[in-house]
PDB file of N, CA and C in Angstrom:
ATOM      1  N   UNK A   1     237.123 247.335  62.702  1.00  0.00           N
ATOM      2  CA  UNK A   1     236.661 247.578  61.046  1.00  0.00           C
ATOM      3  C   UNK A   1     235.974 246.359  60.797  1.00  0.00           C
ATOM      4  N   UNK A   2     235.394 246.063  60.292  1.00  0.00           N
ATOM      5  CA  UNK A   2     233.824 244.972  59.884  1.00  0.00           C
ATOM      6  C   UNK A   2     234.467 244.278  58.468  1.00  0.00           C
ATOM      7  N   UNK A   3     234.846 243.575  58.506  1.00  0.00           N
ATOM      8  CA  UNK A   3     235.714 242.065  57.476  1.00  0.00           C
ATOM      9  C   UNK A   3     234.650 241.855  56.731  1.00  0.00           C
ATOM     10  N   UNK A   4     235.060 241.892  55.455  1.00  0.00           N
ATOM     11  CA  UNK A   4     233.729 241.172  54.021  1.00  0.00           C
ATOM     12  C   UNK A   4     235.540 239.421  54.129  1.00  0.00           C
ATOM     13  N   UNK A   5     234.629 238.947  54.362  1.00  0.00           N
ATOM     14  CA  UNK A   5     234.832 237.200  54.285  1.00  0.00           C
ATOM     15  C   UNK A   5     235.288 237.537  52.602  1.00  0.00           C
ATOM     16  N   UNK A   6     236.622 236.856  52.455  1.00  0.00           N
ATOM     17  CA  UNK A   6     237.649 236.769  51.339  1.00  0.00           C
ATOM     18  C   UNK A   6     237.556 235.108  50.915  1.00  0.00           C
ATOM     19  N   UNK A   7     237.022 235.172  49.438  1.00  0.00           N
ATOM     20  CA  UNK A   7     237.364 233.715  48.749  1.00  0.00           C
ATOM     21  C   UNK A   7     238.531 232.923  49.097  1.00  0.00           C
ATOM     22  N   UNK A   8     238.496 232.060  48.713  1.00  0.00           N
ATOM     23  CA  UNK A   8     239.967 231.074  48.934  1.00  0.00           C
ATOM     24  C   UNK A   8     241.390 231.781  48.413  1.00  0.00           C
ATOM     25  N   UNK A   9     240.726 231.614  46.917  1.00  0.00           N
ATOM     26  CA  UNK A   9     241.432 232.599  45.873  1.00  0.00           C
ATOM     27  C   UNK A   9     242.019 234.189  46.353  1.00  0.00           C
ATOM     28  N   UNK A  10     241.080 234.596  47.005  1.00  0.00           N
ATOM     29  CA  UNK A  10     242.280 236.716  47.972  1.00  0.00           C
ATOM     30  C   UNK A  10     242.703 235.683  49.213  1.00  0.00           C
ATOM     31  N   UNK A  11     242.291 234.478  49.813  1.00  0.00           N
ATOM     32  CA  UNK A  11     242.891 234.298  51.127  1.00  0.00           C
ATOM     33  C   UNK A  11     244.443 233.773  50.840  1.00  0.00           C
ATOM     34  N   UNK A  12     244.124 233.298  49.126  1.00  0.00           N
ATOM     35  CA  UNK A  12     245.302 232.879  48.928  1.00  0.00           C
ATOM     36  C   UNK A  12     246.302 234.415  48.234  1.00  0.00           C
ATOM     37  N   UNK A  13     246.049 234.675  48.023  1.00  0.00           N
ATOM     38  CA  UNK A  13     246.802 236.170  47.922  1.00  0.00           C
ATOM     39  C   UNK A  13     247.461 236.967  48.758  1.00  0.00           C
ATOM     40  N   UNK A  14     246.162 236.832  50.138  1.00  0.00           N
ATOM     41  CA  UNK A  14     246.165 238.300  50.978  1.00  0.00           C
ATOM     42  C   UNK A  14     247.784 236.474  52.240  1.00  0.00           C
ATOM     43  N   UNK A  15     247.410 235.256  51.639  1.00  0.00           N
ATOM     44  CA  UNK A  15     248.967 235.162  52.638  1.00  0.00           C
ATOM     45  C   UNK A  15     249.766 235.245  51.607  1.00  0.00           C
ATOM     46  N   UNK A  16     250.125 235.161  50.482  1.00  0.00           N
ATOM     47  CA  UNK A  16     251.208 235.750  50.148  1.00  0.00           C
ATOM     48  C   UNK A  16     251.738 236.976  50.728  1.00  0.00           C
ATOM     49  N   UNK A  17     250.708 237.924  50.521  1.00  0.00           N
ATOM     50  CA  UNK A  17     250.921 239.206  50.694  1.00  0.00           C
ATOM     51  C   UNK A  17     251.865 239.355  51.624  1.00  0.00           C
ATOM     52  N   UNK A  18     250.604 238.893  52.381  1.00  0.00           N
ATOM     53  CA  UNK A  18     251.049 238.727  54.080  1.00  0.00           C
ATOM     54  C   UNK A  18     252.995 238.693  54.245  1.00  0.00           C
ATOM     55  N   UNK A  19     253.267 237.432  53.815  1.00  0.00           N
ATOM     56  CA  UNK A  19     254.608 237.078  53.619  1.00  0.00           C
ATOM     57  C   UNK A  19     255.474 237.651  53.804  1.00  0.00           C
ATOM     58  N   UNK A  20     255.041 238.161  52.089  1.00  0.00           N
ATOM     59  CA  UNK A  20     256.203 239.291  51.959  1.00  0.00           C
ATOM     60  C   UNK A  20     255.881 240.896  52.305  1.00  0.00           C
ATOM     61  N   UNK A  21     255.149 241.102  52.563  1.00  0.00           N
ATOM     62  CA  UNK A  21     254.460 242.402  53.325  1.00  0.00           C
ATOM     63  C   UNK A  21     254.344 243.787  52.456  1.00  0.00           C
ATOM     64  N   UNK A  22     254.754 243.368  51.486  1.00  0.00           N
ATOM     65  CA  UNK A  22     254.287 244.500  50.355  1.00  0.00           C
ATOM     66  C   UNK A  22     255.500 244.135  48.926  1.00  0.00           C
ATOM     67  N   UNK A  23     254.566 243.981  47.911  1.00  0.00           N
ATOM     68  CA  UNK A  23     255.108 243.185  46.934  1.00  0.00           C
ATOM     69  C   UNK A  23     254.127 243.885  44.896  1.00  0.00           C
ATOM     70  N   UNK A  24     255.247 243.692  44.658  1.00  0.00           N
ATOM     71  CA  UNK A  24     255.017 243.982  43.036  1.00  0.00           C
ATOM     72  C   UNK A  24     254.218 242.251  42.372  1.00  0.00           C
ATOM     73  N   UNK A  25     253.041 242.819  41.442  1.00  0.00           N
ATOM     74  CA  UNK A  25     252.020 241.114  41.178  1.00  0.00           C
ATOM     75  C   UNK A  25     253.414 239.808  40.695  1.00  0.00           C
ATOM     76  N   UNK A  26     253.897 240.979  39.976  1.00  0.00           N
ATOM     77  CA  UNK A  26     255.311 239.934  39.645  1.00  0.00           C
ATOM     78  C   UNK A  26     256.194 238.951  40.582  1.00  0.00           C
ATOM     79  N   UNK A  27     256.145 239.852  41.476  1.00  0.00           N
ATOM     80  CA  UNK A  27     256.762 238.781  42.229  1.00  0.00           C
ATOM     81  C   UNK A  27     256.588 238.181  43.325  1.00  0.00           C
ATOM     82  N   UNK A  28     254.761 238.114  43.741  1.00  0.00           N
ATOM     83  CA  UNK A  28     253.901 236.856  44.062  1.00  0.00           C
ATOM     84  C   UNK A  28     253.952 235.943  43.230  1.00  0.00           C
ATOM     85  N   UNK A  29     254.232 235.750  42.243  1.00  0.00           N
ATOM     86  CA  UNK A  29     253.910 234.536  40.999  1.00  0.00           C
ATOM     87  C   UNK A  29     254.014 233.171  41.705  1.00  0.00           C
ATOM     88  N   UNK A  30     255.589 233.438  41.694  1.00  0.00           N
ATOM     89  CA  UNK A  30     256.402 232.510  42.238  1.00  0.00           C
ATOM     90  C   UNK A  30     255.775 231.657  43.679  1.00  0.00           C
ATOM     91  N   UNK A  31     255.431 232.724  44.298  1.00  0.00           N
ATOM     92  CA  UNK A  31     254.648 231.984  45.898  1.00  0.00           C
ATOM     93  C   UNK A  31     253.561 231.290  45.788  1.00  0.00           C
ATOM     94  N   UNK A  32     252.995 231.054  44.290  1.00  0.00           N
ATOM     95  CA  UNK A  32     251.637 230.311  44.515  1.00  0.00           C
ATOM     96  C   UNK A  32     251.964 229.041  44.465  1.00  0.00           C
ATOM     97  N   UNK A  33     251.267 228.078  45.130  1.00  0.00           N
ATOM     98  CA  UNK A  33     250.835 226.996  45.209  1.00  0.00           C
ATOM     99  C   UNK A  33     250.264 226.516  43.661  1.00  0.00           C
ATOM    100  N   UNK A  34     251.122 225.398  43.143  1.00  0.00           N
ATOM    101  CA  UNK A  34     250.132 224.550  41.825  1.00  0.00           C
ATOM    102  C   UNK A  34     248.484 224.507  41.852  1.00  0.00           C
ATOM    103  N   UNK A  35     247.693 225.264  41.276  1.00  0.00           N
ATOM    104  CA  UNK A  35     247.998 225.191  40.332  1.00  0.00           C
ATOM    105  C   UNK A  35     248.639 226.559  40.252  1.00  0.00           C
ATOM    106  N   UNK A  36     249.619 226.997  38.978  1.00  0.00           N
ATOM    107  CA  UNK A  36     249.829 228.420  39.490  1.00  0.00           C
ATOM    108  C   UNK A  36     249.155 229.381  39.084  1.00  0.00           C
ATOM    109  N   UNK A  37     248.980 230.815  39.674  1.00  0.00           N
ATOM    110  CA  UNK A  37     247.952 231.496  38.889  1.00  0.00           C
ATOM    111  C   UNK A  37     248.383 232.833  38.210  1.00  0.00           C
ATOM    112  N   UNK A  38     247.951 233.008  37.178  1.00  0.00           N
ATOM    113  CA  UNK A  38     247.966 233.935  35.704  1.00  0.00           C
ATOM    114  C   UNK A  38     248.781 235.157  36.717  1.00  0.00           C
ATOM    115  N   UNK A  39     249.426 236.346  36.282  1.00  0.00           N
ATOM    116  CA  UNK A  39     249.003 237.487  36.434  1.00  0.00           C
ATOM    117  C   UNK A  39     248.539 238.443  36.089  1.00  0.00           C
ATOM    118  N   UNK A  40     247.102 237.733  35.466  1.00  0.00           N
ATOM    119  CA  UNK A  40     246.296 238.607  35.248  1.00  0.00           C
ATOM    120  C   UNK A  40     245.206 238.165  36.178  1.00  0.00           C
ATOM    121  N   UNK A  41     244.590 237.287  36.617  1.00  0.00           N
ATOM    122  CA  UNK A  41     244.189 236.296  37.644  1.00  0.00           C
ATOM    123  C   UNK A  41     244.602 237.187  38.606  1.00  0.00           C
ATOM    124  N   UNK A  42     246.362 237.463  39.746  1.00  0.00           N
ATOM    125  CA  UNK A  42     246.608 238.193  40.200  1.00  0.00           C
ATOM    126  C   UNK A  42     246.324 239.213  40.326  1.00  0.00           C
ATOM    127  N   UNK A  43     246.600 240.550  39.425  1.00  0.00           N
ATOM    128  CA  UNK A  43     246.290 241.775  38.999  1.00  0.00           C
ATOM    129  C   UNK A  43     244.880 242.024  39.394  1.00  0.00           C
ATOM    130  N   UNK A  44     243.466 241.296  39.046  1.00  0.00           N
ATOM    131  CA  UNK A  44     241.730 241.335  38.926  1.00  0.00           C
ATOM    132  C   UNK A  44     241.972 240.920  40.437  1.00  0.00           C
ATOM    133  N   UNK A  45     242.135 240.406  41.190  1.00  0.00           N
ATOM    134  CA  UNK A  45     242.362 239.805  42.992  1.00  0.00           C
ATOM    135  C   UNK A  45     242.612 240.839  43.423  1.00  0.00           C
ATOM    136  N   UNK A  46     244.134 241.330  43.607  1.00  0.00           N
ATOM    137  CA  UNK A  46     244.631 242.810  44.538  1.00  0.00           C
ATOM    138  C   UNK A  46     243.683 243.378  43.965  1.00  0.00           C
ATOM    139  N   UNK A  47     243.139 243.579  42.983  1.00  0.00           N
ATOM    140  CA  UNK A  47     242.241 245.300  42.353  1.00  0.00           C
ATOM    141  C   UNK A  47     240.859 244.612  43.832  1.00  0.00           C
ATOM    142  N   UNK A  48     240.086 243.122  43.705  1.00  0.00           N
ATOM    143  CA  UNK A  48     239.369 243.648  43.953  1.00  0.00           C
ATOM    144  C   UNK A  48     239.717 243.470  45.553  1.00  0.00           C
ATOM    145  N   UNK A  49     240.752 243.025  46.253  1.00  0.00           N
ATOM    146  CA  UNK A  49     241.476 242.957  47.503  1.00  0.00           C
ATOM    147  C   UNK A  49     241.701 244.919  48.105  1.00  0.00           C
ATOM    148  N   UNK A  50     241.825 245.641  46.899  1.00  0.00           N
ATOM    149  CA  UNK A  50     241.737 246.469  47.356  1.00  0.00           C
ATOM    150  C   UNK A  50     240.330 247.342  47.673  1.00  0.00           C
ATOM    151  N   UNK A  51     239.557 247.072  47.070  1.00  0.00           N
ATOM    152  CA  UNK A  51     237.832 247.788  46.715  1.00  0.00           C
ATOM    153  C   UNK A  51     237.919 247.480  48.670  1.00  0.00           C
ATOM    154  N   UNK A  52     237.541 245.913  48.285  1.00  0.00           N
ATOM    155  CA  UNK A  52     237.904 245.623  49.795  1.00  0.00           C
ATOM    156  C   UNK A  52     237.879 246.041  51.253  1.00  0.00           C
ATOM    157  N   UNK A  53     238.847 246.645  50.776  1.00  0.00           N
ATOM    158  CA  UNK A  53     239.687 247.221  51.879  1.00  0.00           C
ATOM    159  C   UNK A  53     241.075 246.851  52.816  1.00  0.00           C
ATOM    160  N   UNK A  54     241.411 245.654  51.789  1.00  0.00           N
ATOM    161  CA  UNK A  54     242.197 244.882  52.263  1.00  0.00           C
ATOM    162  C   UNK A  54     244.286 245.003  52.546  1.00  0.00           C
ATOM    163  N   UNK A  55     244.383 245.645  51.119  1.00  0.00           N
ATOM    164  CA  UNK A  55     245.563 245.718  50.207  1.00  0.00           C
ATOM    165  C   UNK A  55     244.803 247.486  49.705  1.00  0.00           C
ATOM    166  N   UNK A  56     246.276 248.559  49.925  1.00  0.00           N
ATOM    167  CA  UNK A  56     246.495 249.082  49.048  1.00  0.00           C
ATOM    168  C   UNK A  56     247.530 249.030  48.414  1.00  0.00           C
ATOM    169  N   UNK A  57     247.918 250.995  47.845  1.00  0.00           N
ATOM    170  CA  UNK A  57     249.123 250.182  46.854  1.00  0.00           C
ATOM    171  C   UNK A  57     249.777 251.168  46.859  1.00  0.00           C
ATOM    172  N   UNK A  58     251.772 251.336  46.743  1.00  0.00           N
ATOM    173  CA  UNK A  58     252.315 252.649  46.321  1.00  0.00           C
ATOM    174  C   UNK A  58     252.175 253.240  44.922  1.00  0.00           C
ATOM    175  N   UNK A  59     252.399 254.047  43.816  1.00  0.00           N
ATOM    176  CA  UNK A  59     252.430 253.773  42.352  1.00  0.00           C
ATOM    177  C   UNK A  59     254.615 254.296  42.182  1.00  0.00           C
ATOM    178  N   UNK A  60     254.756 253.344  41.432  1.00  0.00           N
ATOM    179  CA  UNK A  60     255.888 253.757  40.826  1.00  0.00           C
ATOM    180  C   UNK A  60     255.877 253.668  39.071  1.00  0.00           C
ATOM    181  N   UNK A  61     255.918 255.274  38.744  1.00  0.00           N
ATOM    182  CA  UNK A  61     255.856 254.831  36.984  1.00  0.00           C
ATOM    183  C   UNK A  61     254.601 254.421  37.047  1.00  0.00           C
ATOM    184  N   UNK A  62     254.576 253.413  35.985  1.00  0.00           N
ATOM    185  CA  UNK A  62     252.890 252.581  35.306  1.00  0.00           C
ATOM    186  C   UNK A  62     252.992 251.242  36.685  1.00  0.00           C
ATOM    187  N   UNK A  63     253.667 250.949  37.300  1.00  0.00           N
ATOM    188  CA  UNK A  63     252.965 249.833  38.435  1.00  0.00           C
ATOM    189  C   UNK A  63     253.133 250.526  39.624  1.00  0.00           C
ATOM    190  N   UNK A  64     252.681 249.081  40.149  1.00  0.00           N
ATOM    191  CA  UNK A  64     252.452 249.692  42.044  1.00  0.00           C
ATOM    192  C   UNK A  64     252.903 248.342  42.176  1.00  0.00           C
ATOM    193  N   UNK A  65     252.730 248.877  43.665  1.00  0.00           N
ATOM    194  CA  UNK A  65     253.246 247.947  44.677  1.00  0.00           C
ATOM    195  C   UNK A  65     252.391 247.941  45.415  1.00  0.00           C
ATOM    196  N   UNK A  66     252.158 246.739  46.195  1.00  0.00           N
ATOM    197  CA  UNK A  66     250.297 246.355  47.384  1.00  0.00           C
ATOM    198  C   UNK A  66     251.307 245.703  48.299  1.00  0.00           C
ATOM    199  N   UNK A  67     250.681 246.664  48.778  1.00  0.00           N
ATOM    200  CA  UNK A  67     250.626 246.222  50.245  1.00  0.00           C
ATOM    201  C   UNK A  67     249.793 245.815  51.460  1.00  0.00           C
ATOM    202  N   UNK A  68     249.358 244.613  52.690  1.00  0.00           N
ATOM    203  CA  UNK A  68     248.107 244.685  53.012  1.00  0.00           C
ATOM    204  C   UNK A  68     247.428 245.777  53.789  1.00  0.00           C
ATOM    205  N   UNK A  69     246.626 246.220  54.299  1.00  0.00           N
ATOM    206  CA  UNK A  69     246.270 246.970  55.295  1.00  0.00           C
ATOM    207  C   UNK A  69     245.827 246.628  56.825  1.00  0.00           C
ATOM    208  N   UNK A  70     245.220 245.468  56.109  1.00  0.00           N
ATOM    209  CA  UNK A  70     244.292 244.001  57.316  1.00  0.00           C
ATOM    210  C   UNK A  70     245.541 243.554  57.440  1.00  0.00           C
ATOM    211  N   UNK A  71     246.164 243.671  59.123  1.00  0.00           N
ATOM    212  CA  UNK A  71     247.003 242.050  59.611  1.00  0.00           C
ATOM    213  C   UNK A  71     246.311 241.194  59.877  1.00  0.00           C
ATOM    214  N   UNK A  72     247.128 240.110  59.755  1.00  0.00           N
ATOM    215  CA  UNK A  72     246.515 239.201  59.271  1.00  0.00           C
ATOM    216  C   UNK A  72     246.209 238.996  60.456  1.00  0.00           C
ATOM    217  N   UNK A  73     247.008 239.036  62.070  1.00  0.00           N
ATOM    218  CA  UNK A  73     245.978 238.173  63.006  1.00  0.00           C
ATOM    219  C   UNK A  73     244.721 238.593  63.259  1.00  0.00           C
ATOM    220  N   UNK A  74     244.540 240.129  62.740  1.00  0.00           N
ATOM    221  CA  UNK A  74     242.986 240.201  62.908  1.00  0.00           C
ATOM    222  C   UNK A  74     241.610 239.394  61.763  1.00  0.00           C
ATOM    223  N   UNK A  75     242.281 239.830  61.188  1.00  0.00           N
ATOM    224  CA  UNK A  75     241.516 238.383  60.128  1.00  0.00           C
ATOM    225  C   UNK A  75     241.321 237.078  60.351  1.00  0.00           C
ATOM    226  N   UNK A  76     242.105 235.924  61.055  1.00  0.00           N
ATOM    227  CA  UNK A  76     242.696 234.805  61.743  1.00  0.00           C
ATOM    228  C   UNK A  76     241.124 235.343  62.438  1.00  0.00           C
ATOM    229  N   UNK A  77     241.419 236.307  63.878  1.00  0.00           N
ATOM    230  CA  UNK A  77     240.862 236.194  64.758  1.00  0.00           C
ATOM    231  C   UNK A  77     239.044 236.335  64.351  1.00  0.00           C
ATOM    232  N   UNK A  78     239.505 236.730  63.399  1.00  0.00           N
ATOM    233  CA  UNK A  78     238.141 237.503  63.417  1.00  0.00           C
ATOM    234  C   UNK A  78     236.865 236.040  62.004  1.00  0.00           C
ATOM    235  N   UNK A  79     237.950 235.866  61.255  1.00  0.00           N
ATOM    236  CA  UNK A  79     237.296 234.630  60.571  1.00  0.00           C
ATOM    237  C   UNK A  79     237.434 233.294  60.877  1.00  0.00           C
ATOM    238  N   UNK A  80     239.011 232.855  61.082  1.00  0.00           N
ATOM    239  CA  UNK A  80     239.368 231.611  60.851  1.00  0.00           C
ATOM    240  C   UNK A  80     239.145 231.360  62.412  1.00  0.00           C
ATOM    241  N   UNK A  81     240.007 232.271  63.757  1.00  0.00           N
ATOM    242  CA  UNK A  81     239.506 231.151  64.821  1.00  0.00           C
ATOM    243  C   UNK A  81     238.334 231.551  65.322  1.00  0.00           C
ATOM    244  N   UNK A  82     237.862 232.642  65.162  1.00  0.00           N
ATOM    245  CA  UNK A  82     236.289 233.288  65.683  1.00  0.00           C
ATOM    246  C   UNK A  82     235.051 231.846  65.182  1.00  0.00           C
ATOM    247  N   UNK A  83     235.652 231.362  63.695  1.00  0.00           N
ATOM    248  CA  UNK A  83     234.406 230.633  63.286  1.00  0.00           C
ATOM    249  C   UNK A  83     234.919 229.509  64.008  1.00  0.00           C
ATOM    250  N   UNK A  84     235.769 228.605  64.130  1.00  0.00           N
ATOM    251  CA  UNK A  84     235.963 227.204  64.529  1.00  0.00           C
ATOM    252  C   UNK A  84     235.691 227.351  66.314  1.00  0.00           C
ATOM    253  N   UNK A  85     236.318 228.629  66.646  1.00  0.00           N
ATOM    254  CA  UNK A  85     235.762 228.775  68.190  1.00  0.00           C
ATOM    255  C   UNK A  85     234.362 228.673  68.801  1.00  0.00           C
ATOM    256  N   UNK A  86     233.500 229.461  67.594  1.00  0.00           N
ATOM    257  CA  UNK A  86     231.813 229.631  68.067  1.00  0.00           C
ATOM    258  C   UNK A  86     231.452 228.427  67.143  1.00  0.00           C
ATOM    259  N   UNK A  87     232.186 227.833  65.908  1.00  0.00           N
ATOM    260  CA  UNK A  87     231.196 226.807  64.920  1.00  0.00           C
ATOM    261  C   UNK A  87     231.918 224.961  66.215  1.00  0.00           C
ATOM    262  N   UNK A  88     232.210 225.388  66.582  1.00  0.00           N
ATOM    263  CA  UNK A  88     233.286 223.979  67.119  1.00  0.00           C
ATOM    264  C   UNK A  88     232.764 223.738  68.767  1.00  0.00           C
ATOM    265  N   UNK A  89     232.648 225.104  69.201  1.00  0.00           N
ATOM    266  CA  UNK A  89     233.342 225.449  70.996  1.00  0.00           C
ATOM    267  C   UNK A  89     232.723 226.186  71.438  1.00  0.00           C
ATOM    268  N   UNK A  90     231.209 226.583  71.100  1.00  0.00           N
ATOM    269  CA  UNK A  90     230.251 227.096  72.252  1.00  0.00           C
ATOM    270  C   UNK A  90     230.861 228.603  72.479  1.00  0.00           C
ATOM    271  N   UNK A  91     231.693 228.893  71.168  1.00  0.00           N
ATOM    272  CA  UNK A  91     232.123 230.693  71.772  1.00  0.00           C
ATOM    273  C   UNK A  91     233.200 230.558  72.743  1.00  0.00           C
ATOM    274  N   UNK A  92     233.374 229.380  73.131  1.00  0.00           N
ATOM    275  CA  UNK A  92     234.832 228.408  74.630  1.00  0.00           C
ATOM    276  C   UNK A  92     235.475 228.386  73.797  1.00  0.00           C
ATOM    277  N   UNK A  93     236.925 229.080  74.602  1.00  0.00           N
ATOM    278  CA  UNK A  93     237.892 229.477  73.981  1.00  0.00           C
ATOM    279  C   UNK A  93     238.839 228.363  75.050  1.00  0.00           C
ATOM    280  N   UNK A  94     238.147 228.222  76.431  1.00  0.00           N
ATOM    281  CA  UNK A  94     238.905 227.255  77.458  1.00  0.00           C
ATOM    282  C   UNK A  94     238.569 225.668  76.666  1.00  0.00           C
ATOM    283  N   UNK A  95     237.117 226.038  75.864  1.00  0.00           N
ATOM    284  CA  UNK A  95     236.630 224.013  76.124  1.00  0.00           C
ATOM    285  C   UNK A  95     237.964 223.842  74.195  1.00  0.00           C
ATOM    286  N   UNK A  96     237.929 225.246  73.862  1.00  0.00           N
ATOM    287  CA  UNK A  96     238.993 225.004  72.510  1.00  0.00           C
ATOM    288  C   UNK A  96     240.544 224.511  72.711  1.00  0.00           C
ATOM    289  N   UNK A  97     241.225 225.152  74.384  1.00  0.00           N
ATOM    290  CA  UNK A  97     241.883 224.916  74.493  1.00  0.00           C
ATOM    291  C   UNK A  97     241.765 223.484  75.854  1.00  0.00           C
ATOM    292  N   UNK A  98     241.000 223.645  75.824  1.00  0.00           N
ATOM    293  CA  UNK A  98     240.919 221.901  76.795  1.00  0.00           C
ATOM    294  C   UNK A  98     240.796 220.334  75.905  1.00  0.00           C
ATOM    295  N   UNK A  99     239.730 220.821  74.768  1.00  0.00           N
ATOM    296  CA  UNK A  99     240.169 220.093  73.637  1.00  0.00           C
ATOM    297  C   UNK A  99     241.785 219.523  73.258  1.00  0.00           C
ATOM    298  N   UNK A 100     242.622 220.785  72.776  1.00  0.00           N
ATOM    299  CA  UNK A 100     243.835 220.039  72.667  1.00  0.00           C
ATOM    300  C   UNK A 100     244.785 219.664  73.055  1.00  0.00           C
ATOM    301  N   UNK A 101     244.019 220.240  74.756  1.00  0.00           N
ATOM    302  CA  UNK A 101     245.365 219.193  75.665  1.00  0.00           C
ATOM    303  C   UNK A 101     244.269 217.505  76.126  1.00  0.00           C
ATOM    304  N   UNK A 102     243.063 217.139  75.956  1.00  0.00           N
ATOM    305  CA  UNK A 102     242.818 216.490  75.497  1.00  0.00           C
ATOM    306  C   UNK A 102     243.055 215.412  74.616  1.00  0.00           C
ATOM    307  N   UNK A 103     243.766 215.806  73.654  1.00  0.00           N
ATOM    308  CA  UNK A 103     243.852 215.157  72.538  1.00  0.00           C
ATOM    309  C   UNK A 103     245.403 214.881  72.414  1.00  0.00           C
ATOM    310  N   UNK A 104     246.302 215.656  73.355  1.00  0.00           N
ATOM    311  CA  UNK A 104     247.850 215.641  73.594  1.00  0.00           C
ATOM    312  C   UNK A 104     248.682 216.042  72.120  1.00  0.00           C
ATOM    313  N   UNK A 105     247.481 217.862  72.172  1.00  0.00           N
ATOM    314  CA  UNK A 105     248.430 218.836  71.064  1.00  0.00           C
ATOM    315  C   UNK A 105     248.893 220.057  71.841  1.00  0.00           C
ATOM    316  N   UNK A 106     248.405 219.792  73.323  1.00  0.00           N
ATOM    317  CA  UNK A 106     249.333 220.832  74.313  1.00  0.00           C
ATOM    318  C   UNK A 106     249.391 220.036  75.529  1.00  0.00           C
ATOM    319  N   UNK A 107     250.971 220.791  75.047  1.00  0.00           N
ATOM    320  CA  UNK A 107     251.150 219.505  76.911  1.00  0.00           C
ATOM    321  C   UNK A 107     251.742 220.447  78.412  1.00  0.00           C
ATOM    322  N   UNK A 108     250.876 219.974  78.826  1.00  0.00           N
ATOM    323  CA  UNK A 108     251.359 220.695  80.207  1.00  0.00           C
ATOM    324  C   UNK A 108     253.000 221.871  80.696  1.00  0.00           C
ATOM    325  N   UNK A 109     253.663 221.884  79.814  1.00  0.00           N
ATOM    326  CA  UNK A 109     254.982 222.898  79.560  1.00  0.00           C
ATOM    327  C   UNK A 109     254.301 223.834  78.876  1.00  0.00           C
ATOM    328  N   UNK A 110     253.443 223.512  77.597  1.00  0.00           N
ATOM    329  CA  UNK A 110     252.922 224.558  76.672  1.00  0.00           C
ATOM    330  C   UNK A 110     251.610 225.279  77.116  1.00  0.00           C
ATOM    331  N   UNK A 111     250.682 224.425  78.489  1.00  0.00           N
ATOM    332  CA  UNK A 111     249.394 224.998  78.926  1.00  0.00           C
ATOM    333  C   UNK A 111     250.096 226.617  79.962  1.00  0.00           C
ATOM    334  N   UNK A 112     251.429 225.962  80.405  1.00  0.00           N
ATOM    335  CA  UNK A 112     251.937 226.657  81.698  1.00  0.00           C
ATOM    336  C   UNK A 112     252.413 227.944  81.111  1.00  0.00           C
ATOM    337  N   UNK A 113     252.669 227.802  79.768  1.00  0.00           N
ATOM    338  CA  UNK A 113     253.918 228.911  78.662  1.00  0.00           C
ATOM    339  C   UNK A 113     252.677 230.210  78.911  1.00  0.00           C
ATOM    340  N   UNK A 114     251.298 229.534  77.903  1.00  0.00           N
ATOM    341  CA  UNK A 114     250.437 230.224  78.019  1.00  0.00           C
ATOM    342  C   UNK A 114     249.392 231.016  79.165  1.00  0.00           C
ATOM    343  N   UNK A 115     250.018 230.172  80.724  1.00  0.00           N
ATOM    344  CA  UNK A 115     249.363 230.680  81.588  1.00  0.00           C
ATOM    345  C   UNK A 115     249.830 231.941  81.607  1.00  0.00           C
ATOM    346  N   UNK A 116     251.513 231.991  82.061  1.00  0.00           N
ATOM    347  CA  UNK A 116     252.267 233.119  82.522  1.00  0.00           C
ATOM    348  C   UNK A 116     252.319 233.918  80.993  1.00  0.00           C
ATOM    349  N   UNK A 117     251.730 233.542  79.907  1.00  0.00           N
ATOM    350  CA  UNK A 117     251.625 235.004  78.567  1.00  0.00           C
ATOM    351  C   UNK A 117     249.894 235.695  79.397  1.00  0.00           C
ATOM    352  N   UNK A 118     249.281 235.177  79.734  1.00  0.00           N
ATOM    353  CA  UNK A 118     247.715 235.397  79.257  1.00  0.00           C
ATOM    354  C   UNK A 118     247.853 236.719  80.917  1.00  0.00           C
ATOM    355  N   UNK A 119     248.985 235.748  81.880  1.00  0.00           N
ATOM    356  CA  UNK A 119     248.987 236.809  83.441  1.00  0.00           C
ATOM    357  C   UNK A 119     249.947 238.122  82.942  1.00  0.00           C
ATOM    358  N   UNK A 120     251.064 237.943  81.847  1.00  0.00           N
ATOM    359  CA  UNK A 120     251.586 238.810  81.781  1.00  0.00           C
ATOM    360  C   UNK A 120     251.742 239.816  80.704  1.00  0.00           C
ATOM    361  N   UNK A 121     250.251 239.615  80.174  1.00  0.00           N
ATOM    362  CA  UNK A 121     249.573 240.175  79.403  1.00  0.00           C
ATOM    363  C   UNK A 121     250.353 240.613  78.110  1.00  0.00           C
ATOM    364  N   UNK A 122     250.782 238.957  77.673  1.00  0.00           N
ATOM    365  CA  UNK A 122     251.309 239.310  76.376  1.00  0.00           C
ATOM    366  C   UNK A 122     250.480 238.785  74.893  1.00  0.00           C
TER     367      UNK A 122
END
């Protein structure tokens, strides 16, 4: 599936929806950080996300429960991780891991765990 890049507000709404799994707009509102988004704003963003293929809904009378169609991991891999690895590490995941090791953000135990996960296909 080819993803369309989301705006910052669309990403913010998706983050809430990924966290909740499925939700009515009114249930999403308390989860937004300051400045809080208005109900109508979230409704408009959700409809845009639905048009882009990121979200779908189930109808309950006059209300809609929205749920993500695109997995958070798939979006992150395509846009976030791909942009970081491509833009800063010449498309090399090895260089990315080496960078974090040099910055002491990854311990030798972390690296052993990563190697174990790769070898076991996790």
